[in-house]
Amino acid sequence: QTPYGYPLQSSFDQPTFERQLRAGLDRFAHVDVRFGHTLEGLERTPTHVVAHGRRADGSTFSVVSDYLIGCDGGRSTVRSK
């Protein structure tokens, strides 16, 4: 029996991973980590990505970037776009 029901090479502790990821990202002033936001749409161009979303207070925002990384789970909005 394994702790998570899968072989250990396929598992990791999510809270530990998130702590380490946030600590690592703190080194980069140009990285913006946003929690409590909802992605509502994406636009892709040959040179960049525009993410449209909504904050917890209901206001909307858009972010232009070279890359977008989806870390939103198995039913990822990013991967489905």
PDB file of N, CA and C in Angstrom:
ATOM      1  N   GLN A   1       0.854  -1.187   0.000  1.00  0.00           N
ATOM      2  CA  GLN A   1       0.000   0.000   0.000  1.00  0.00           C
ATOM      3  C   GLN A   1       0.893   1.242   0.000  1.00  0.00           C
ATOM      4  N   THR A   2       0.593   2.170  -0.884  1.00  0.00           N
ATOM      5  CA  THR A   2       1.336   3.425  -0.929  1.00  0.00           C
ATOM      6  C   THR A   2       0.493   4.536  -0.314  1.00  0.00           C
ATOM      7  N   PRO A   3       1.115   5.621   0.149  1.00  0.00           N
ATOM      8  CA  PRO A   3       0.367   6.668   0.858  1.00  0.00           C
ATOM      9  C   PRO A   3      -0.779   7.282   0.057  1.00  0.00           C
ATOM     10  N   TYR A   4      -0.615   7.386  -1.269  1.00  0.00           N
ATOM     11  CA  TYR A   4      -1.631   8.058  -2.076  1.00  0.00           C
ATOM     12  C   TYR A   4      -2.362   7.116  -3.030  1.00  0.00           C
ATOM     13  N   GLY A   5      -2.095   5.835  -2.926  1.00  0.00           N
ATOM     14  CA  GLY A   5      -2.767   4.874  -3.787  1.00  0.00           C
ATOM     15  C   GLY A   5      -2.105   4.689  -5.134  1.00  0.00           C
ATOM     16  N   TYR A   6      -0.994   5.374  -5.369  1.00  0.00           N
ATOM     17  CA  TYR A   6      -0.248   5.279  -6.623  1.00  0.00           C
ATOM     18  C   TYR A   6       1.215   5.052  -6.292  1.00  0.00           C
ATOM     19  N   PRO A   7       1.976   4.538  -7.246  1.00  0.00           N
ATOM     20  CA  PRO A   7       3.412   4.381  -6.998  1.00  0.00           C
ATOM     21  C   PRO A   7       4.045   5.719  -6.629  1.00  0.00           C
ATOM     22  N   LEU A   8       5.051   5.706  -5.760  1.00  0.00           N
ATOM     23  CA  LEU A   8       5.646   6.945  -5.267  1.00  0.00           C
ATOM     24  C   LEU A   8       6.245   7.812  -6.373  1.00  0.00           C
ATOM     25  N   GLN A   9       6.663   7.243  -7.485  1.00  0.00           N
ATOM     26  CA  GLN A   9       7.221   8.077  -8.552  1.00  0.00           C
ATOM     27  C   GLN A   9       6.146   8.965  -9.185  1.00  0.00           C
ATOM     28  N   SER A  10       4.873   8.709  -8.918  1.00  0.00           N
ATOM     29  CA  SER A  10       3.786   9.485  -9.515  1.00  0.00           C
ATOM     30  C   SER A  10       3.142  10.449  -8.535  1.00  0.00           C
ATOM     31  N   SER A  11       3.703  10.630  -7.361  1.00  0.00           N
ATOM     32  CA  SER A  11       3.015  11.449  -6.365  1.00  0.00           C
ATOM     33  C   SER A  11       3.943  12.490  -5.760  1.00  0.00           C
ATOM     34  N   PHE A  12       3.337  13.519  -5.212  1.00  0.00           N
ATOM     35  CA  PHE A  12       4.048  14.534  -4.456  1.00  0.00           C
ATOM     36  C   PHE A  12       3.061  15.147  -3.484  1.00  0.00           C
ATOM     37  N   ASP A  13       3.577  15.834  -2.491  1.00  0.00           N
ATOM     38  CA  ASP A  13       2.743  16.482  -1.493  1.00  0.00           C
ATOM     39  C   ASP A  13       2.418  17.893  -1.983  1.00  0.00           C
ATOM     40  N   GLN A  14       1.165  18.145  -2.342  1.00  0.00           N
ATOM     41  CA  GLN A  14       0.758  19.425  -2.936  1.00  0.00           C
ATOM     42  C   GLN A  14       1.100  20.631  -2.056  1.00  0.00           C
ATOM     43  N   PRO A  15       0.788  20.628  -0.754  1.00  0.00           N
ATOM     44  CA  PRO A  15       1.135  21.807   0.066  1.00  0.00           C
ATOM     45  C   PRO A  15       2.641  22.094   0.084  1.00  0.00           C
ATOM     46  N   THR A  16       3.461  21.053   0.148  1.00  0.00           N
ATOM     47  CA  THR A  16       4.916  21.244   0.128  1.00  0.00           C
ATOM     48  C   THR A  16       5.356  21.820  -1.205  1.00  0.00           C
ATOM     49  N   PHE A  17       4.826  21.280  -2.288  1.00  0.00           N
ATOM     50  CA  PHE A  17       5.151  21.773  -3.623  1.00  0.00           C
ATOM     51  C   PHE A  17       4.797  23.256  -3.762  1.00  0.00           C
ATOM     52  N   GLU A  18       3.596  23.635  -3.329  1.00  0.00           N
ATOM     53  CA  GLU A  18       3.165  25.025  -3.463  1.00  0.00           C
ATOM     54  C   GLU A  18       4.034  25.970  -2.629  1.00  0.00           C
ATOM     55  N   ARG A  19       4.414  25.568  -1.430  1.00  0.00           N
ATOM     56  CA  ARG A  19       5.300  26.399  -0.600  1.00  0.00           C
ATOM     57  C   ARG A  19       6.641  26.614  -1.296  1.00  0.00           C
ATOM     58  N   GLN A  20       7.200  25.540  -1.829  1.00  0.00           N
ATOM     59  CA  GLN A  20       8.496  25.637  -2.499  1.00  0.00           C
ATOM     60  C   GLN A  20       8.400  26.474  -3.772  1.00  0.00           C
ATOM     61  N   LEU A  21       7.329  26.308  -4.517  1.00  0.00           N
ATOM     62  CA  LEU A  21       7.130  27.081  -5.740  1.00  0.00           C
ATOM     63  C   LEU A  21       7.014  28.566  -5.422  1.00  0.00           C
ATOM     64  N   ARG A  22       6.205  28.916  -4.432  1.00  0.00           N
ATOM     65  CA  ARG A  22       6.052  30.334  -4.060  1.00  0.00           C
ATOM     66  C   ARG A  22       7.370  30.920  -3.571  1.00  0.00           C
ATOM     67  N   ALA A  23       8.100  30.171  -2.768  1.00  0.00           N
ATOM     68  CA  ALA A  23       9.392  30.661  -2.265  1.00  0.00           C
ATOM     69  C   ALA A  23      10.362  30.884  -3.421  1.00  0.00           C
ATOM     70  N   GLY A  24      10.367  29.996  -4.380  1.00  0.00           N
ATOM     71  CA  GLY A  24      11.241  30.157  -5.540  1.00  0.00           C
ATOM     72  C   GLY A  24      10.845  31.335  -6.407  1.00  0.00           C
ATOM     73  N   LEU A  25       9.555  31.547  -6.579  1.00  0.00           N
ATOM     74  CA  LEU A  25       9.085  32.647  -7.418  1.00  0.00           C
ATOM     75  C   LEU A  25       9.339  34.003  -6.782  1.00  0.00           C
ATOM     76  N   ASP A  26       9.485  34.065  -5.471  1.00  0.00           N
ATOM     77  CA  ASP A  26       9.786  35.321  -4.782  1.00  0.00           C
ATOM     78  C   ASP A  26      11.086  35.947  -5.276  1.00  0.00           C
ATOM     79  N   ARG A  27      11.949  35.144  -5.885  1.00  0.00           N
ATOM     80  CA  ARG A  27      13.232  35.659  -6.376  1.00  0.00           C
ATOM     81  C   ARG A  27      13.073  36.524  -7.619  1.00  0.00           C
ATOM     82  N   PHE A  28      11.924  36.461  -8.280  1.00  0.00           N
ATOM     83  CA  PHE A  28      11.754  37.121  -9.567  1.00  0.00           C
ATOM     84  C   PHE A  28      10.723  38.243  -9.471  1.00  0.00           C
ATOM     85  N   ALA A  29      11.173  39.482  -9.592  1.00  0.00           N
ATOM     86  CA  ALA A  29      10.280  40.636  -9.476  1.00  0.00           C
ATOM     87  C   ALA A  29       9.250  40.686 -10.594  1.00  0.00           C
ATOM     88  N   HIS A  30       9.538  40.102 -11.742  1.00  0.00           N
ATOM     89  CA  HIS A  30       8.632  40.167 -12.890  1.00  0.00           C
ATOM     90  C   HIS A  30       7.554  39.082 -12.868  1.00  0.00           C
ATOM     91  N   VAL A  31       7.561  38.202 -11.883  1.00  0.00           N
ATOM     92  CA  VAL A  31       6.550  37.147 -11.783  1.00  0.00           C
ATOM     93  C   VAL A  31       5.445  37.610 -10.849  1.00  0.00           C
ATOM     94  N   ASP A  32       4.200  37.476 -11.317  1.00  0.00           N
ATOM     95  CA  ASP A  32       3.035  37.896 -10.550  1.00  0.00           C
ATOM     96  C   ASP A  32       2.191  36.658 -10.251  1.00  0.00           C
ATOM     97  N   VAL A  33       2.117  36.258  -8.995  1.00  0.00           N
ATOM     98  CA  VAL A  33       1.326  35.100  -8.586  1.00  0.00           C
ATOM     99  C   VAL A  33       0.001  35.619  -8.045  1.00  0.00           C
ATOM    100  N   ARG A  34      -1.102  35.113  -8.572  1.00  0.00           N
ATOM    101  CA  ARG A  34      -2.424  35.596  -8.166  1.00  0.00           C
ATOM    102  C   ARG A  34      -3.284  34.441  -7.680  1.00  0.00           C
ATOM    103  N   PHE A  35      -3.772  34.555  -6.456  1.00  0.00           N
ATOM    104  CA  PHE A  35      -4.691  33.574  -5.902  1.00  0.00           C
ATOM    105  C   PHE A  35      -6.070  34.224  -5.802  1.00  0.00           C
ATOM    106  N   GLY A  36      -7.119  33.430  -5.788  1.00  0.00           N
ATOM    107  CA  GLY A  36      -8.470  33.958  -5.650  1.00  0.00           C
ATOM    108  C   GLY A  36      -8.980  34.632  -6.902  1.00  0.00           C
ATOM    109  N   HIS A  37      -8.393  34.304  -8.045  1.00  0.00           N
ATOM    110  CA  HIS A  37      -8.812  34.859  -9.315  1.00  0.00           C
ATOM    111  C   HIS A  37      -9.378  33.737 -10.188  1.00  0.00           C
ATOM    112  N   THR A  38     -10.240  34.109 -11.118  1.00  0.00           N
ATOM    113  CA  THR A  38     -10.824  33.131 -12.036  1.00  0.00           C
ATOM    114  C   THR A  38     -10.460  33.501 -13.460  1.00  0.00           C
ATOM    115  N   LEU A  39      -9.894  32.560 -14.194  1.00  0.00           N
ATOM    116  CA  LEU A  39      -9.604  32.760 -15.606  1.00  0.00           C
ATOM    117  C   LEU A  39     -10.898  32.622 -16.388  1.00  0.00           C
ATOM    118  N   GLU A  40     -11.221  33.626 -17.207  1.00  0.00           N
ATOM    119  CA  GLU A  40     -12.457  33.588 -17.982  1.00  0.00           C
ATOM    120  C   GLU A  40     -12.220  33.426 -19.480  1.00  0.00           C
ATOM    121  N   GLY A  41     -11.021  33.697 -19.932  1.00  0.00           N
ATOM    122  CA  GLY A  41     -10.743  33.541 -21.353  1.00  0.00           C
ATOM    123  C   GLY A  41      -9.290  33.796 -21.682  1.00  0.00           C
ATOM    124  N   LEU A  42      -8.874  33.304 -22.847  1.00  0.00           N
ATOM    125  CA  LEU A  42      -7.509  33.460 -23.332  1.00  0.00           C
ATOM    126  C   LEU A  42      -7.536  33.911 -24.782  1.00  0.00           C
ATOM    127  N   GLU A  43      -6.570  34.726 -25.129  1.00  0.00           N
ATOM    128  CA  GLU A  43      -6.327  35.063 -26.533  1.00  0.00           C
ATOM    129  C   GLU A  43      -4.882  34.702 -26.825  1.00  0.00           C
ATOM    130  N   ARG A  44      -4.656  33.972 -27.897  1.00  0.00           N
ATOM    131  CA  ARG A  44      -3.292  33.620 -28.294  1.00  0.00           C
ATOM    132  C   ARG A  44      -2.944  34.368 -29.575  1.00  0.00           C
ATOM    133  N   THR A  45      -1.746  34.899 -29.622  1.00  0.00           N
ATOM    134  CA  THR A  45      -1.224  35.508 -30.835  1.00  0.00           C
ATOM    135  C   THR A  45       0.116  34.838 -31.121  1.00  0.00           C
ATOM    136  N   PRO A  46       0.718  35.109 -32.261  1.00  0.00           N
ATOM    137  CA  PRO A  46       2.039  34.518 -32.518  1.00  0.00           C
ATOM    138  C   PRO A  46       3.116  34.961 -31.526  1.00  0.00           C
ATOM    139  N   THR A  47       2.899  36.082 -30.829  1.00  0.00           N
ATOM    140  CA  THR A  47       3.948  36.613 -29.957  1.00  0.00           C
ATOM    141  C   THR A  47       3.617  36.636 -28.472  1.00  0.00           C
ATOM    142  N   HIS A  48       2.344  36.503 -28.097  1.00  0.00           N
ATOM    143  CA  HIS A  48       2.000  36.598 -26.679  1.00  0.00           C
ATOM    144  C   HIS A  48       0.632  35.963 -26.385  1.00  0.00           C
ATOM    145  N   VAL A  49       0.296  35.954 -25.111  1.00  0.00           N
ATOM    146  CA  VAL A  49      -0.984  35.449 -24.634  1.00  0.00           C
ATOM    147  C   VAL A  49      -1.645  36.547 -23.804  1.00  0.00           C
ATOM    148  N   VAL A  50      -2.949  36.711 -23.970  1.00  0.00           N
ATOM    149  CA  VAL A  50      -3.703  37.641 -23.124  1.00  0.00           C
ATOM    150  C   VAL A  50      -4.685  36.803 -22.307  1.00  0.00           C
ATOM    151  N   ALA A  51      -4.570  36.894 -21.002  1.00  0.00           N
ATOM    152  CA  ALA A  51      -5.481  36.184 -20.100  1.00  0.00           C
ATOM    153  C   ALA A  51      -6.487  37.189 -19.553  1.00  0.00           C
ATOM    154  N   HIS A  52      -7.766  36.846 -19.653  1.00  0.00           N
ATOM    155  CA  HIS A  52      -8.836  37.689 -19.118  1.00  0.00           C
ATOM    156  C   HIS A  52      -9.438  36.972 -17.914  1.00  0.00           C
ATOM    157  N   GLY A  53      -9.652  37.708 -16.839  1.00  0.00           N
ATOM    158  CA  GLY A  53     -10.169  37.060 -15.649  1.00  0.00           C
ATOM    159  C   GLY A  53     -10.949  37.985 -14.750  1.00  0.00           C
ATOM    160  N   ARG A  54     -11.316  37.417 -13.601  1.00  0.00           N
ATOM    161  CA  ARG A  54     -12.113  38.134 -12.613  1.00  0.00           C
ATOM    162  C   ARG A  54     -11.500  37.918 -11.232  1.00  0.00           C
ATOM    163  N   ARG A  55     -11.382  39.019 -10.494  1.00  0.00           N
ATOM    164  CA  ARG A  55     -10.881  38.957  -9.119  1.00  0.00           C
ATOM    165  C   ARG A  55     -12.006  38.519  -8.179  1.00  0.00           C
ATOM    166  N   ALA A  56     -11.656  38.185  -6.958  1.00  0.00           N
ATOM    167  CA  ALA A  56     -12.648  37.754  -5.967  1.00  0.00           C
ATOM    168  C   ALA A  56     -13.695  38.831  -5.702  1.00  0.00           C
ATOM    169  N   ASP A  57     -13.320  40.111  -5.876  1.00  0.00           N
ATOM    170  CA  ASP A  57     -14.282  41.197  -5.647  1.00  0.00           C
ATOM    171  C   ASP A  57     -15.201  41.442  -6.848  1.00  0.00           C
ATOM    172  N   GLY A  58     -15.023  40.665  -7.921  1.00  0.00           N
ATOM    173  CA  GLY A  58     -15.877  40.779  -9.107  1.00  0.00           C
ATOM    174  C   GLY A  58     -15.318  41.645 -10.209  1.00  0.00           C
ATOM    175  N   SER A  59     -14.277  42.415  -9.916  1.00  0.00           N
ATOM    176  CA  SER A  59     -13.691  43.259 -10.959  1.00  0.00           C
ATOM    177  C   SER A  59     -12.915  42.391 -11.955  1.00  0.00           C
ATOM    178  N   THR A  60     -12.783  42.907 -13.177  1.00  0.00           N
ATOM    179  CA  THR A  60     -12.112  42.145 -14.232  1.00  0.00           C
ATOM    180  C   THR A  60     -10.686  42.649 -14.420  1.00  0.00           C
ATOM    181  N   PHE A  61      -9.879  41.825 -15.058  1.00  0.00           N
ATOM    182  CA  PHE A  61      -8.498  42.190 -15.356  1.00  0.00           C
ATOM    183  C   PHE A  61      -8.055  41.461 -16.618  1.00  0.00           C
ATOM    184  N   SER A  62      -7.001  41.971 -17.221  1.00  0.00           N
ATOM    185  CA  SER A  62      -6.342  41.303 -18.351  1.00  0.00           C
ATOM    186  C   SER A  62      -4.847  41.365 -18.114  1.00  0.00           C
ATOM    187  N   VAL A  63      -4.161  40.306 -18.497  1.00  0.00           N
ATOM    188  CA  VAL A  63      -2.711  40.219 -18.348  1.00  0.00           C
ATOM    189  C   VAL A  63      -2.134  39.792 -19.688  1.00  0.00           C
ATOM    190  N   VAL A  64      -1.150  40.521 -20.174  1.00  0.00           N
ATOM    191  CA  VAL A  64      -0.442  40.174 -21.405  1.00  0.00           C
ATOM    192  C   VAL A  64       0.898  39.579 -21.007  1.00  0.00           C
ATOM    193  N   SER A  65       1.229  38.417 -21.581  1.00  0.00           N
ATOM    194  CA  SER A  65       2.491  37.775 -21.229  1.00  0.00           C
ATOM    195  C   SER A  65       3.004  36.947 -22.398  1.00  0.00           C
ATOM    196  N   ASP A  66       4.271  36.569 -22.285  1.00  0.00           N
ATOM    197  CA  ASP A  66       4.850  35.689 -23.294  1.00  0.00           C
ATOM    198  C   ASP A  66       4.359  34.255 -23.121  1.00  0.00           C
ATOM    199  N   TYR A  67       4.113  33.852 -21.866  1.00  0.00           N
ATOM    200  CA  TYR A  67       3.719  32.488 -21.540  1.00  0.00           C
ATOM    201  C   TYR A  67       2.598  32.493 -20.511  1.00  0.00           C
ATOM    202  N   LEU A  68       1.835  31.432 -20.515  1.00  0.00           N
ATOM    203  CA  LEU A  68       0.831  31.217 -19.475  1.00  0.00           C
ATOM    204  C   LEU A  68       0.961  29.767 -19.029  1.00  0.00           C
ATOM    205  N   ILE A  69       1.118  29.571 -17.746  1.00  0.00           N
ATOM    206  CA  ILE A  69       1.256  28.228 -17.189  1.00  0.00           C
ATOM    207  C   ILE A  69       0.011  27.916 -16.382  1.00  0.00           C
ATOM    208  N   GLY A  70      -0.650  26.823 -16.706  1.00  0.00           N
ATOM    209  CA  GLY A  70      -1.846  26.425 -15.984  1.00  0.00           C
ATOM    210  C   GLY A  70      -1.517  25.454 -14.871  1.00  0.00           C
ATOM    211  N   CYS A  71      -1.783  25.847 -13.645  1.00  0.00           N
ATOM    212  CA  CYS A  71      -1.591  24.989 -12.474  1.00  0.00           C
ATOM    213  C   CYS A  71      -2.916  24.890 -11.745  1.00  0.00           C
ATOM    214  N   ASP A  72      -3.951  24.595 -12.508  1.00  0.00           N
ATOM    215  CA  ASP A  72      -5.295  24.647 -11.939  1.00  0.00           C
ATOM    216  C   ASP A  72      -5.980  23.289 -11.919  1.00  0.00           C
ATOM    217  N   GLY A  73      -5.177  22.232 -11.826  1.00  0.00           N
ATOM    218  CA  GLY A  73      -5.735  20.918 -11.564  1.00  0.00           C
ATOM    219  C   GLY A  73      -6.140  20.119 -12.790  1.00  0.00           C
ATOM    220  N   GLY A  74      -6.763  18.996 -12.510  1.00  0.00           N
ATOM    221  CA  GLY A  74      -7.127  18.024 -13.531  1.00  0.00           C
ATOM    222  C   GLY A  74      -8.159  18.494 -14.525  1.00  0.00           C
ATOM    223  N   ARG A  75      -8.984  19.441 -14.133  1.00  0.00           N
ATOM    224  CA  ARG A  75      -9.987  20.006 -15.037  1.00  0.00           C
ATOM    225  C   ARG A  75      -9.553  21.406 -15.473  1.00  0.00           C
ATOM    226  N   SER A  76      -8.308  21.529 -15.844  1.00  0.00           N
ATOM    227  CA  SER A  76      -7.675  22.795 -16.119  1.00  0.00           C
ATOM    228  C   SER A  76      -8.382  23.633 -17.161  1.00  0.00           C
ATOM    229  N   THR A  77      -8.723  24.856 -16.800  1.00  0.00           N
ATOM    230  CA  THR A  77      -9.269  25.814 -17.756  1.00  0.00           C
ATOM    231  C   THR A  77      -8.226  26.168 -18.800  1.00  0.00           C
ATOM    232  N   VAL A  78      -6.984  26.310 -18.379  1.00  0.00           N
ATOM    233  CA  VAL A  78      -5.908  26.687 -19.303  1.00  0.00           C
ATOM    234  C   VAL A  78      -5.730  25.614 -20.362  1.00  0.00           C
ATOM    235  N   ARG A  79      -5.683  24.367 -19.970  1.00  0.00           N
ATOM    236  CA  ARG A  79      -5.471  23.294 -20.945  1.00  0.00           C
ATOM    237  C   ARG A  79      -6.640  23.127 -21.882  1.00  0.00           C
ATOM    238  N   SER A  80      -7.837  23.514 -21.454  1.00  0.00           N
ATOM    239  CA  SER A  80      -9.008  23.341 -22.314  1.00  0.00           C
ATOM    240  C   SER A  80      -9.166  24.474 -23.322  1.00  0.00           C
ATOM    241  N   LYS A  81      -8.411  25.546 -23.187  1.00  0.00           N
ATOM    242  CA  LYS A  81      -8.527  26.699 -24.088  1.00  0.00           C
ATOM    243  C   LYS A  81      -7.658  26.547 -25.292  1.00  0.00           C
TER     244      LYS A  81
END
